[in-house]
Amino acid sequence: MDIYVDFDDCLCETARYFSGLIKELFDLDIPYEEIRYFNLQKSFSLTDDRFEHMMIEAHRPKALLSYKETPGAISTVNGWIDKGHRVSIITGRSFSAFEASRGWLDEHGLDRAHLYCLNKYGRDNFIKNSDFSLELEDYYRMHFDYAVEDSPTAFRFFEHLPKLKVMVYDRPWNRNCDLPTEGYTRCFDWETIKAMVI
């Protein structure tokens, strides 16, 4: 089987890192559980300049390599690969973050997972002239049986796969969203996700 896995807030605790980062950069105290929007600029009420500054700092290699694993993610993904499933990490990070992102995966034992950078969110504005390793037309030629995703904004990338089973990793910013079809299931941990892939 082919499995799509999002990187940030599925494999690693990116939003928790951002919560600490805005405290450090701007002395703003917004706990992880109060991040109500996937749009972090809106969640943190940041000006364009502050948002750009935050995103640049968060995408420095040292920062990307420091993100903590989401409990159970690594062992579950490796278990799928051990069973012969093909796992593709499809991240919205730009290609300038590829090397550090690949390094994080390798350091955490996910060296066998494929990594692709897809412009899911139009976020290339904070890194000028950024590139992505996967073009939309190539992505839409890919097939997946299962997907793990936390962002309601990314759900549109699954519309061409009507039989896809999507495990929505529960996060504060997606708790009030409507799941598009019966093929979407809210999952509160990787144990639940693991049990759904048969």
N, C-alpha and C. Protein backbone atom coordinates (compact mmCIF):
# COMPACT_ATOMS: atom_id res chain seq x y z
N MET A 1 0.83 -1.19 0.00
CA MET A 1 0.00 0.00 0.00
C MET A 1 0.87 1.25 0.00
N ASP A 2 0.29 2.35 -0.46
CA ASP A 2 0.97 3.63 -0.50
C ASP A 2 0.36 4.55 0.57
N ILE A 3 1.22 5.12 1.38
CA ILE A 3 0.76 5.91 2.52
C ILE A 3 1.39 7.30 2.47
N TYR A 4 0.53 8.31 2.55
CA TYR A 4 0.94 9.72 2.62
C TYR A 4 1.01 10.09 4.09
N VAL A 5 2.11 10.72 4.50
CA VAL A 5 2.22 11.21 5.88
C VAL A 5 2.70 12.65 5.83
N ASP A 6 1.96 13.53 6.46
CA ASP A 6 2.39 14.92 6.61
C ASP A 6 3.51 14.98 7.65
N PHE A 7 4.39 15.96 7.53
CA PHE A 7 5.53 16.07 8.43
C PHE A 7 5.15 16.81 9.72
N ASP A 8 4.89 18.12 9.58
CA ASP A 8 4.69 18.97 10.76
C ASP A 8 3.39 18.66 11.48
N ASP A 9 3.50 18.45 12.77
CA ASP A 9 2.38 18.17 13.66
C ASP A 9 1.72 16.82 13.41
N CYS A 10 2.38 16.00 12.61
CA CYS A 10 2.02 14.58 12.49
C CYS A 10 3.21 13.73 12.94
N LEU A 11 4.36 13.99 12.33
CA LEU A 11 5.58 13.30 12.75
C LEU A 11 6.28 14.01 13.90
N CYS A 12 6.17 15.33 13.93
CA CYS A 12 6.89 16.10 14.95
C CYS A 12 6.01 17.23 15.50
N GLU A 13 6.43 17.75 16.64
CA GLU A 13 5.62 18.72 17.38
C GLU A 13 5.98 20.16 17.00
N THR A 14 5.67 20.51 15.78
CA THR A 14 6.04 21.81 15.25
C THR A 14 5.33 22.96 15.96
N ALA A 15 4.03 22.86 16.16
CA ALA A 15 3.29 23.96 16.78
C ALA A 15 3.74 24.21 18.22
N ARG A 16 4.11 23.16 18.91
CA ARG A 16 4.63 23.34 20.28
C ARG A 16 5.93 24.14 20.24
N TYR A 17 6.75 23.87 19.22
CA TYR A 17 7.98 24.63 19.05
C TYR A 17 7.66 26.11 18.78
N PHE A 18 6.70 26.36 17.88
CA PHE A 18 6.33 27.73 17.55
C PHE A 18 5.81 28.48 18.78
N SER A 19 5.07 27.79 19.63
CA SER A 19 4.56 28.42 20.84
C SER A 19 5.70 28.94 21.70
N GLY A 20 6.77 28.17 21.81
CA GLY A 20 7.94 28.61 22.55
C GLY A 20 8.72 29.69 21.82
N LEU A 21 8.74 29.58 20.49
CA LEU A 21 9.51 30.53 19.69
C LEU A 21 8.94 31.95 19.78
N ILE A 22 7.60 32.09 19.73
CA ILE A 22 7.04 33.44 19.80
C ILE A 22 7.22 34.04 21.19
N LYS A 23 7.32 33.20 22.20
CA LYS A 23 7.63 33.70 23.54
C LYS A 23 9.05 34.26 23.55
N GLU A 24 9.96 33.53 22.92
CA GLU A 24 11.36 33.95 22.86
C GLU A 24 11.54 35.19 21.99
N LEU A 25 10.90 35.23 20.84
CA LEU A 25 11.09 36.33 19.90
C LEU A 25 10.33 37.60 20.27
N PHE A 26 9.07 37.43 20.70
CA PHE A 26 8.18 38.59 20.85
C PHE A 26 7.56 38.71 22.24
N ASP A 27 7.96 37.83 23.15
CA ASP A 27 7.40 37.80 24.50
C ASP A 27 5.88 37.64 24.49
N LEU A 28 5.41 36.79 23.57
CA LEU A 28 3.99 36.46 23.48
C LEU A 28 3.74 35.10 24.11
N ASP A 29 2.77 35.03 24.99
CA ASP A 29 2.48 33.78 25.69
C ASP A 29 1.19 33.18 25.15
N ILE A 30 1.33 32.31 24.15
CA ILE A 30 0.18 31.62 23.57
C ILE A 30 0.46 30.12 23.62
N PRO A 31 -0.10 29.43 24.62
CA PRO A 31 0.16 28.00 24.76
C PRO A 31 -0.34 27.21 23.55
N TYR A 32 0.25 26.06 23.36
CA TYR A 32 -0.11 25.18 22.25
C TYR A 32 -1.62 24.95 22.17
N GLU A 33 -2.25 24.67 23.28
CA GLU A 33 -3.69 24.36 23.28
C GLU A 33 -4.56 25.53 22.85
N GLU A 34 -3.98 26.73 22.81
CA GLU A 34 -4.74 27.91 22.39
C GLU A 34 -4.49 28.29 20.94
N ILE A 35 -3.77 27.44 20.22
CA ILE A 35 -3.53 27.70 18.79
C ILE A 35 -4.78 27.22 18.05
N ARG A 36 -5.66 28.15 17.75
CA ARG A 36 -6.98 27.81 17.22
C ARG A 36 -7.06 27.76 15.70
N TYR A 37 -6.05 28.31 15.02
CA TYR A 37 -6.09 28.35 13.56
C TYR A 37 -4.82 27.74 12.99
N PHE A 38 -4.97 27.02 11.89
CA PHE A 38 -3.79 26.50 11.21
C PHE A 38 -2.93 27.65 10.71
N ASN A 39 -3.55 28.75 10.37
CA ASN A 39 -2.85 29.97 9.98
C ASN A 39 -2.21 30.56 11.24
N LEU A 40 -0.91 30.34 11.40
CA LEU A 40 -0.23 30.77 12.62
C LEU A 40 -0.17 32.29 12.74
N GLN A 41 -0.14 32.98 11.64
CA GLN A 41 -0.15 34.44 11.72
C GLN A 41 -1.43 34.91 12.40
N LYS A 42 -2.53 34.27 12.08
CA LYS A 42 -3.81 34.60 12.71
C LYS A 42 -3.85 34.12 14.16
N SER A 43 -3.37 32.90 14.41
CA SER A 43 -3.38 32.36 15.77
C SER A 43 -2.57 33.21 16.73
N PHE A 44 -1.43 33.73 16.25
CA PHE A 44 -0.54 34.50 17.11
C PHE A 44 -0.74 36.02 16.96
N SER A 45 -1.66 36.44 16.10
CA SER A 45 -1.92 37.87 15.85
C SER A 45 -0.64 38.63 15.52
N LEU A 46 0.08 38.13 14.52
CA LEU A 46 1.36 38.72 14.14
C LEU A 46 1.21 39.63 12.93
N THR A 47 1.98 40.70 12.91
CA THR A 47 2.09 41.53 11.71
C THR A 47 2.80 40.72 10.62
N ASP A 48 2.73 41.19 9.41
CA ASP A 48 3.42 40.50 8.31
C ASP A 48 4.92 40.38 8.59
N ASP A 49 5.53 41.45 9.10
CA ASP A 49 6.96 41.43 9.37
C ASP A 49 7.31 40.43 10.47
N ARG A 50 6.52 40.41 11.52
CA ARG A 50 6.79 39.45 12.61
C ARG A 50 6.57 38.01 12.15
N PHE A 51 5.53 37.80 11.36
CA PHE A 51 5.27 36.45 10.86
C PHE A 51 6.43 35.96 9.99
N GLU A 52 6.89 36.82 9.10
CA GLU A 52 8.01 36.45 8.24
C GLU A 52 9.25 36.15 9.08
N HIS A 53 9.52 36.97 10.07
CA HIS A 53 10.68 36.76 10.95
C HIS A 53 10.56 35.42 11.68
N MET A 54 9.38 35.13 12.21
CA MET A 54 9.16 33.88 12.92
C MET A 54 9.38 32.67 12.00
N MET A 55 8.83 32.75 10.79
CA MET A 55 8.94 31.62 9.87
C MET A 55 10.38 31.38 9.44
N ILE A 56 11.11 32.45 9.22
CA ILE A 56 12.52 32.29 8.84
C ILE A 56 13.30 31.64 9.97
N GLU A 57 13.08 32.11 11.21
CA GLU A 57 13.78 31.54 12.36
C GLU A 57 13.41 30.06 12.56
N ALA A 58 12.15 29.74 12.37
CA ALA A 58 11.68 28.36 12.58
C ALA A 58 12.17 27.40 11.51
N HIS A 59 12.60 27.93 10.36
CA HIS A 59 13.05 27.07 9.27
C HIS A 59 14.57 27.04 9.13
N ARG A 60 15.26 27.59 10.10
CA ARG A 60 16.72 27.43 10.10
C ARG A 60 17.03 25.98 10.42
N PRO A 61 18.09 25.41 9.84
CA PRO A 61 18.40 23.99 10.06
C PRO A 61 18.44 23.59 11.53
N LYS A 62 19.06 24.41 12.37
CA LYS A 62 19.15 24.06 13.79
C LYS A 62 17.77 23.92 14.41
N ALA A 63 16.86 24.80 14.04
CA ALA A 63 15.50 24.73 14.56
C ALA A 63 14.78 23.48 14.04
N LEU A 64 14.84 23.25 12.74
CA LEU A 64 14.15 22.10 12.15
C LEU A 64 14.64 20.77 12.74
N LEU A 65 15.91 20.70 13.03
CA LEU A 65 16.47 19.47 13.59
C LEU A 65 16.10 19.28 15.05
N SER A 66 15.60 20.33 15.70
CA SER A 66 15.32 20.25 17.14
C SER A 66 13.88 19.84 17.45
N TYR A 67 13.01 19.79 16.45
CA TYR A 67 11.61 19.47 16.71
C TYR A 67 11.48 18.08 17.34
N LYS A 68 10.61 17.96 18.33
CA LYS A 68 10.43 16.68 19.02
C LYS A 68 9.47 15.78 18.26
N GLU A 69 9.73 14.49 18.34
CA GLU A 69 8.87 13.49 17.68
C GLU A 69 7.49 13.47 18.32
N THR A 70 6.47 13.32 17.50
CA THR A 70 5.14 13.03 18.01
C THR A 70 5.15 11.58 18.48
N PRO A 71 4.79 11.33 19.74
CA PRO A 71 4.90 9.98 20.29
C PRO A 71 4.25 8.91 19.41
N GLY A 72 5.01 7.86 19.14
CA GLY A 72 4.51 6.73 18.37
C GLY A 72 4.65 6.84 16.87
N ALA A 73 5.00 8.03 16.38
CA ALA A 73 5.04 8.23 14.93
C ALA A 73 6.13 7.39 14.27
N ILE A 74 7.33 7.44 14.80
CA ILE A 74 8.47 6.78 14.16
C ILE A 74 8.28 5.27 14.12
N SER A 75 7.91 4.70 15.24
CA SER A 75 7.75 3.23 15.28
C SER A 75 6.63 2.77 14.36
N THR A 76 5.56 3.56 14.27
CA THR A 76 4.44 3.19 13.40
C THR A 76 4.85 3.23 11.94
N VAL A 77 5.48 4.32 11.52
CA VAL A 77 5.90 4.46 10.13
C VAL A 77 6.91 3.38 9.77
N ASN A 78 7.86 3.12 10.64
CA ASN A 78 8.84 2.07 10.36
C ASN A 78 8.18 0.69 10.30
N GLY A 79 7.15 0.50 11.11
CA GLY A 79 6.40 -0.76 11.05
C GLY A 79 5.73 -0.95 9.71
N TRP A 80 5.19 0.13 9.16
CA TRP A 80 4.58 0.05 7.83
C TRP A 80 5.63 -0.29 6.77
N ILE A 81 6.77 0.36 6.86
CA ILE A 81 7.83 0.11 5.88
C ILE A 81 8.32 -1.34 6.00
N ASP A 82 8.44 -1.82 7.22
CA ASP A 82 8.85 -3.21 7.44
C ASP A 82 7.89 -4.20 6.77
N LYS A 83 6.62 -3.82 6.70
CA LYS A 83 5.61 -4.68 6.09
C LYS A 83 5.56 -4.53 4.57
N GLY A 84 6.41 -3.66 4.03
CA GLY A 84 6.46 -3.49 2.58
C GLY A 84 5.64 -2.35 2.03
N HIS A 85 5.04 -1.54 2.91
CA HIS A 85 4.27 -0.39 2.44
C HIS A 85 5.22 0.73 2.02
N ARG A 86 4.82 1.50 1.04
CA ARG A 86 5.60 2.66 0.60
C ARG A 86 5.09 3.89 1.33
N VAL A 87 5.98 4.56 2.06
CA VAL A 87 5.60 5.75 2.82
C VAL A 87 6.24 6.98 2.21
N SER A 88 5.40 7.96 1.89
CA SER A 88 5.87 9.23 1.34
C SER A 88 5.54 10.34 2.33
N ILE A 89 6.57 11.04 2.79
CA ILE A 89 6.38 12.20 3.63
C ILE A 89 6.18 13.39 2.68
N ILE A 90 4.98 13.97 2.70
CA ILE A 90 4.65 15.09 1.82
C ILE A 90 4.53 16.33 2.70
N THR A 91 5.55 17.18 2.66
CA THR A 91 5.57 18.35 3.53
C THR A 91 5.31 19.63 2.76
N GLY A 92 4.73 20.60 3.46
CA GLY A 92 4.52 21.93 2.88
C GLY A 92 5.75 22.81 3.02
N ARG A 93 6.81 22.29 3.61
CA ARG A 93 8.05 23.05 3.71
C ARG A 93 8.65 23.23 2.32
N SER A 94 9.31 24.38 2.11
CA SER A 94 9.95 24.60 0.82
C SER A 94 11.22 23.76 0.70
N PHE A 95 11.73 23.65 -0.52
CA PHE A 95 12.89 22.80 -0.77
C PHE A 95 14.14 23.29 -0.04
N SER A 96 14.17 24.57 0.33
CA SER A 96 15.31 25.08 1.10
C SER A 96 15.42 24.39 2.46
N ALA A 97 14.32 23.80 2.92
CA ALA A 97 14.32 23.08 4.19
C ALA A 97 14.51 21.57 4.00
N PHE A 98 14.72 21.15 2.75
CA PHE A 98 14.79 19.71 2.48
C PHE A 98 15.93 19.03 3.24
N GLU A 99 17.13 19.60 3.16
CA GLU A 99 18.29 18.94 3.76
C GLU A 99 18.11 18.73 5.27
N ALA A 100 17.67 19.76 5.97
CA ALA A 100 17.45 19.63 7.41
C ALA A 100 16.29 18.69 7.71
N SER A 101 15.25 18.73 6.88
CA SER A 101 14.10 17.84 7.07
C SER A 101 14.51 16.39 6.85
N ARG A 102 15.29 16.16 5.79
CA ARG A 102 15.82 14.82 5.52
C ARG A 102 16.71 14.38 6.69
N GLY A 103 17.49 15.31 7.22
CA GLY A 103 18.35 15.01 8.36
C GLY A 103 17.55 14.60 9.58
N TRP A 104 16.44 15.30 9.83
CA TRP A 104 15.59 14.94 10.98
C TRP A 104 15.05 13.53 10.82
N LEU A 105 14.56 13.23 9.62
CA LEU A 105 14.02 11.89 9.38
C LEU A 105 15.10 10.83 9.58
N ASP A 106 16.28 11.08 9.03
CA ASP A 106 17.36 10.10 9.14
C ASP A 106 17.80 9.92 10.59
N GLU A 107 17.91 11.02 11.33
CA GLU A 107 18.32 10.95 12.73
C GLU A 107 17.30 10.21 13.59
N HIS A 108 16.04 10.25 13.17
CA HIS A 108 14.98 9.60 13.93
C HIS A 108 14.63 8.21 13.37
N GLY A 109 15.48 7.69 12.51
CA GLY A 109 15.30 6.33 12.04
C GLY A 109 14.35 6.16 10.88
N LEU A 110 13.99 7.26 10.21
CA LEU A 110 13.08 7.17 9.07
C LEU A 110 13.83 7.36 7.75
N ASP A 111 15.01 6.81 7.67
CA ASP A 111 15.84 6.96 6.48
C ASP A 111 15.25 6.25 5.26
N ARG A 112 14.31 5.33 5.47
CA ARG A 112 13.71 4.60 4.34
C ARG A 112 12.45 5.28 3.80
N ALA A 113 11.98 6.32 4.47
CA ALA A 113 10.79 7.03 4.00
C ALA A 113 11.18 8.05 2.93
N HIS A 114 10.35 8.20 1.92
CA HIS A 114 10.58 9.18 0.86
C HIS A 114 10.10 10.55 1.34
N LEU A 115 10.80 11.60 0.97
CA LEU A 115 10.43 12.96 1.37
C LEU A 115 10.23 13.84 0.15
N TYR A 116 9.10 14.54 0.13
CA TYR A 116 8.78 15.45 -0.97
C TYR A 116 8.32 16.79 -0.39
N CYS A 117 8.75 17.88 -1.01
CA CYS A 117 8.30 19.22 -0.63
C CYS A 117 7.28 19.70 -1.65
N LEU A 118 6.05 19.90 -1.20
CA LEU A 118 4.95 20.32 -2.06
C LEU A 118 4.41 21.66 -1.56
N ASN A 119 4.18 22.59 -2.45
CA ASN A 119 3.67 23.90 -2.05
C ASN A 119 2.18 23.79 -1.71
N LYS A 120 1.89 23.26 -0.53
CA LYS A 120 0.51 23.05 -0.11
C LYS A 120 -0.18 24.36 0.28
N TYR A 121 0.59 25.28 0.84
CA TYR A 121 -0.02 26.42 1.51
C TYR A 121 0.39 27.77 0.95
N GLY A 122 1.15 27.81 -0.13
CA GLY A 122 1.58 29.07 -0.69
C GLY A 122 2.48 29.85 0.25
N ARG A 123 3.27 29.12 1.02
CA ARG A 123 4.09 29.75 2.05
C ARG A 123 5.48 30.16 1.56
N ASP A 124 5.73 30.09 0.27
CA ASP A 124 7.07 30.40 -0.21
C ASP A 124 7.40 31.89 -0.09
N ASN A 125 6.42 32.71 0.32
CA ASN A 125 6.69 34.15 0.39
C ASN A 125 7.70 34.52 1.45
N PHE A 126 7.84 33.73 2.52
CA PHE A 126 8.77 34.13 3.57
C PHE A 126 10.20 33.72 3.25
N ILE A 127 10.39 32.82 2.31
CA ILE A 127 11.73 32.51 1.82
C ILE A 127 11.72 32.86 0.34
N LYS A 128 12.35 33.96 0.00
CA LYS A 128 12.24 34.50 -1.35
C LYS A 128 12.74 33.52 -2.41
N ASN A 129 11.97 33.43 -3.49
CA ASN A 129 12.32 32.58 -4.64
C ASN A 129 12.52 31.12 -4.25
N SER A 130 11.73 30.64 -3.31
CA SER A 130 11.89 29.25 -2.89
C SER A 130 11.31 28.28 -3.92
N ASP A 131 11.84 27.09 -3.91
CA ASP A 131 11.40 26.04 -4.82
C ASP A 131 10.81 24.88 -4.03
N PHE A 132 10.12 24.01 -4.74
CA PHE A 132 9.55 22.81 -4.14
C PHE A 132 9.96 21.62 -5.00
N SER A 133 10.20 20.49 -4.37
CA SER A 133 10.71 19.34 -5.11
C SER A 133 9.62 18.55 -5.82
N LEU A 134 8.36 18.82 -5.49
CA LEU A 134 7.25 18.09 -6.09
C LEU A 134 6.26 19.08 -6.68
N GLU A 135 6.06 19.01 -7.97
CA GLU A 135 5.10 19.89 -8.63
C GLU A 135 3.69 19.30 -8.47
N LEU A 136 2.70 20.18 -8.50
CA LEU A 136 1.32 19.73 -8.31
C LEU A 136 0.91 18.68 -9.32
N GLU A 137 1.29 18.88 -10.58
CA GLU A 137 0.87 17.90 -11.60
C GLU A 137 1.48 16.52 -11.34
N ASP A 138 2.69 16.50 -10.79
CA ASP A 138 3.32 15.21 -10.44
C ASP A 138 2.66 14.61 -9.20
N TYR A 139 2.34 15.46 -8.23
CA TYR A 139 1.65 14.97 -7.04
C TYR A 139 0.32 14.32 -7.42
N TYR A 140 -0.43 14.96 -8.32
CA TYR A 140 -1.75 14.43 -8.68
C TYR A 140 -1.67 13.14 -9.48
N ARG A 141 -0.49 12.76 -9.91
CA ARG A 141 -0.31 11.45 -10.55
C ARG A 141 0.02 10.36 -9.53
N MET A 142 0.28 10.76 -8.30
CA MET A 142 0.60 9.79 -7.26
C MET A 142 -0.68 9.19 -6.69
N HIS A 143 -0.58 7.97 -6.22
CA HIS A 143 -1.73 7.29 -5.62
C HIS A 143 -1.42 6.97 -4.17
N PHE A 144 -2.42 7.14 -3.31
CA PHE A 144 -2.28 6.77 -1.90
C PHE A 144 -3.52 6.03 -1.45
N ASP A 145 -3.29 5.05 -0.58
CA ASP A 145 -4.40 4.30 0.03
C ASP A 145 -4.82 4.91 1.36
N TYR A 146 -3.83 5.44 2.09
CA TYR A 146 -4.05 6.06 3.39
C TYR A 146 -3.28 7.38 3.45
N ALA A 147 -3.77 8.29 4.28
CA ALA A 147 -3.07 9.55 4.50
C ALA A 147 -3.19 9.94 5.97
N VAL A 148 -2.12 10.54 6.49
CA VAL A 148 -2.12 11.10 7.84
C VAL A 148 -1.88 12.60 7.67
N GLU A 149 -2.83 13.41 8.12
CA GLU A 149 -2.75 14.86 7.90
C GLU A 149 -3.43 15.58 9.07
N ASP A 150 -2.93 16.76 9.42
CA ASP A 150 -3.55 17.54 10.50
C ASP A 150 -4.22 18.81 10.00
N SER A 151 -3.90 19.23 8.78
CA SER A 151 -4.35 20.54 8.30
C SER A 151 -5.60 20.46 7.43
N PRO A 152 -6.69 21.09 7.87
CA PRO A 152 -7.88 21.15 7.01
C PRO A 152 -7.59 21.81 5.66
N THR A 153 -6.61 22.71 5.63
CA THR A 153 -6.25 23.38 4.38
C THR A 153 -5.70 22.40 3.35
N ALA A 154 -5.15 21.30 3.81
CA ALA A 154 -4.55 20.31 2.91
C ALA A 154 -5.55 19.29 2.40
N PHE A 155 -6.75 19.26 2.95
CA PHE A 155 -7.72 18.25 2.54
C PHE A 155 -8.02 18.31 1.05
N ARG A 156 -7.93 19.50 0.46
CA ARG A 156 -8.24 19.63 -0.97
C ARG A 156 -7.29 18.82 -1.85
N PHE A 157 -6.12 18.48 -1.31
CA PHE A 157 -5.16 17.70 -2.08
C PHE A 157 -5.53 16.21 -2.13
N PHE A 158 -6.64 15.86 -1.51
CA PHE A 158 -7.09 14.46 -1.52
C PHE A 158 -8.34 14.26 -2.37
N GLU A 159 -8.85 15.31 -2.96
CA GLU A 159 -10.11 15.22 -3.68
C GLU A 159 -10.04 14.31 -4.89
N HIS A 160 -8.85 14.10 -5.44
CA HIS A 160 -8.71 13.24 -6.62
C HIS A 160 -8.62 11.77 -6.25
N LEU A 161 -8.68 11.46 -4.95
CA LEU A 161 -8.56 10.08 -4.47
C LEU A 161 -9.79 9.72 -3.65
N PRO A 162 -10.92 9.42 -4.30
CA PRO A 162 -12.18 9.20 -3.58
C PRO A 162 -12.17 8.01 -2.62
N LYS A 163 -11.28 7.05 -2.82
CA LYS A 163 -11.23 5.88 -1.93
C LYS A 163 -10.20 6.01 -0.82
N LEU A 164 -9.53 7.14 -0.78
CA LEU A 164 -8.48 7.37 0.22
C LEU A 164 -9.06 7.39 1.63
N LYS A 165 -8.38 6.73 2.55
CA LYS A 165 -8.72 6.78 3.97
C LYS A 165 -7.79 7.79 4.63
N VAL A 166 -8.37 8.86 5.18
CA VAL A 166 -7.59 9.94 5.76
C VAL A 166 -7.72 9.90 7.28
N MET A 167 -6.58 9.78 7.96
CA MET A 167 -6.54 9.84 9.40
C MET A 167 -6.14 11.27 9.78
N VAL A 168 -7.09 11.99 10.37
CA VAL A 168 -6.85 13.38 10.74
C VAL A 168 -6.29 13.41 12.16
N TYR A 169 -5.00 13.78 12.25
CA TYR A 169 -4.38 13.82 13.58
C TYR A 169 -4.98 14.98 14.36
N ASP A 170 -5.59 14.67 15.48
CA ASP A 170 -6.30 15.68 16.27
C ASP A 170 -5.34 16.74 16.80
N ARG A 171 -5.65 18.00 16.46
CA ARG A 171 -4.89 19.16 16.92
C ARG A 171 -5.88 20.28 17.24
N PRO A 172 -5.50 21.24 18.09
CA PRO A 172 -6.45 22.31 18.46
C PRO A 172 -7.03 23.05 17.27
N TRP A 173 -6.25 23.23 16.20
CA TRP A 173 -6.71 24.02 15.05
C TRP A 173 -7.62 23.24 14.10
N ASN A 174 -7.80 21.93 14.33
CA ASN A 174 -8.72 21.22 13.43
C ASN A 174 -9.93 20.65 14.17
N ARG A 175 -10.05 20.96 15.44
CA ARG A 175 -11.13 20.34 16.24
C ARG A 175 -12.52 20.82 15.85
N ASN A 176 -12.62 22.01 15.30
CA ASN A 176 -13.93 22.53 14.92
C ASN A 176 -14.23 22.40 13.43
N CYS A 177 -13.33 21.76 12.70
CA CYS A 177 -13.56 21.63 11.26
C CYS A 177 -14.46 20.44 10.96
N ASP A 178 -15.21 20.56 9.89
CA ASP A 178 -16.03 19.45 9.42
C ASP A 178 -15.17 18.55 8.56
N LEU A 179 -15.22 17.25 8.81
CA LEU A 179 -14.47 16.31 7.99
C LEU A 179 -15.26 16.09 6.69
N PRO A 180 -14.59 16.17 5.54
CA PRO A 180 -15.29 16.21 4.25
C PRO A 180 -16.16 15.00 3.91
N THR A 181 -15.68 13.80 4.21
CA THR A 181 -16.42 12.59 3.84
C THR A 181 -16.28 11.53 4.93
N GLU A 182 -16.95 10.42 4.73
CA GLU A 182 -16.84 9.31 5.68
C GLU A 182 -15.46 8.67 5.65
N GLY A 183 -14.67 9.00 4.63
CA GLY A 183 -13.33 8.46 4.53
C GLY A 183 -12.34 9.12 5.47
N TYR A 184 -12.78 10.16 6.17
CA TYR A 184 -11.93 10.88 7.12
C TYR A 184 -12.26 10.45 8.54
N THR A 185 -11.24 10.16 9.33
CA THR A 185 -11.42 9.75 10.72
C THR A 185 -10.49 10.56 11.62
N ARG A 186 -11.04 11.14 12.67
CA ARG A 186 -10.21 11.86 13.63
C ARG A 186 -9.46 10.86 14.50
N CYS A 187 -8.17 11.06 14.65
CA CYS A 187 -7.33 10.16 15.44
C CYS A 187 -6.59 10.95 16.50
N PHE A 188 -6.60 10.44 17.72
CA PHE A 188 -6.01 11.18 18.84
C PHE A 188 -4.58 10.76 19.15
N ASP A 189 -4.11 9.70 18.51
CA ASP A 189 -2.72 9.28 18.73
C ASP A 189 -2.31 8.33 17.61
N TRP A 190 -1.02 8.00 17.61
CA TRP A 190 -0.50 7.11 16.56
C TRP A 190 -0.92 5.66 16.77
N GLU A 191 -1.29 5.28 17.97
CA GLU A 191 -1.80 3.93 18.18
C GLU A 191 -3.09 3.73 17.41
N THR A 192 -3.95 4.73 17.43
CA THR A 192 -5.21 4.67 16.67
C THR A 192 -4.94 4.62 15.18
N ILE A 193 -4.00 5.45 14.73
CA ILE A 193 -3.64 5.46 13.30
C ILE A 193 -3.10 4.10 12.90
N LYS A 194 -2.22 3.56 13.69
CA LYS A 194 -1.62 2.24 13.41
C LYS A 194 -2.69 1.17 13.23
N ALA A 195 -3.70 1.21 14.09
CA ALA A 195 -4.76 0.18 14.04
C ALA A 195 -5.63 0.31 12.81
N MET A 196 -5.66 1.47 12.19
CA MET A 196 -6.53 1.68 11.03
C MET A 196 -5.91 1.20 9.73
N VAL A 197 -4.60 1.07 9.69
CA VAL A 197 -3.93 0.64 8.44
C VAL A 197 -3.82 -0.88 8.46
N ILE A 198 -4.56 -1.52 7.58
CA ILE A 198 -4.58 -2.99 7.57
C ILE A 198 -4.03 -3.53 6.25
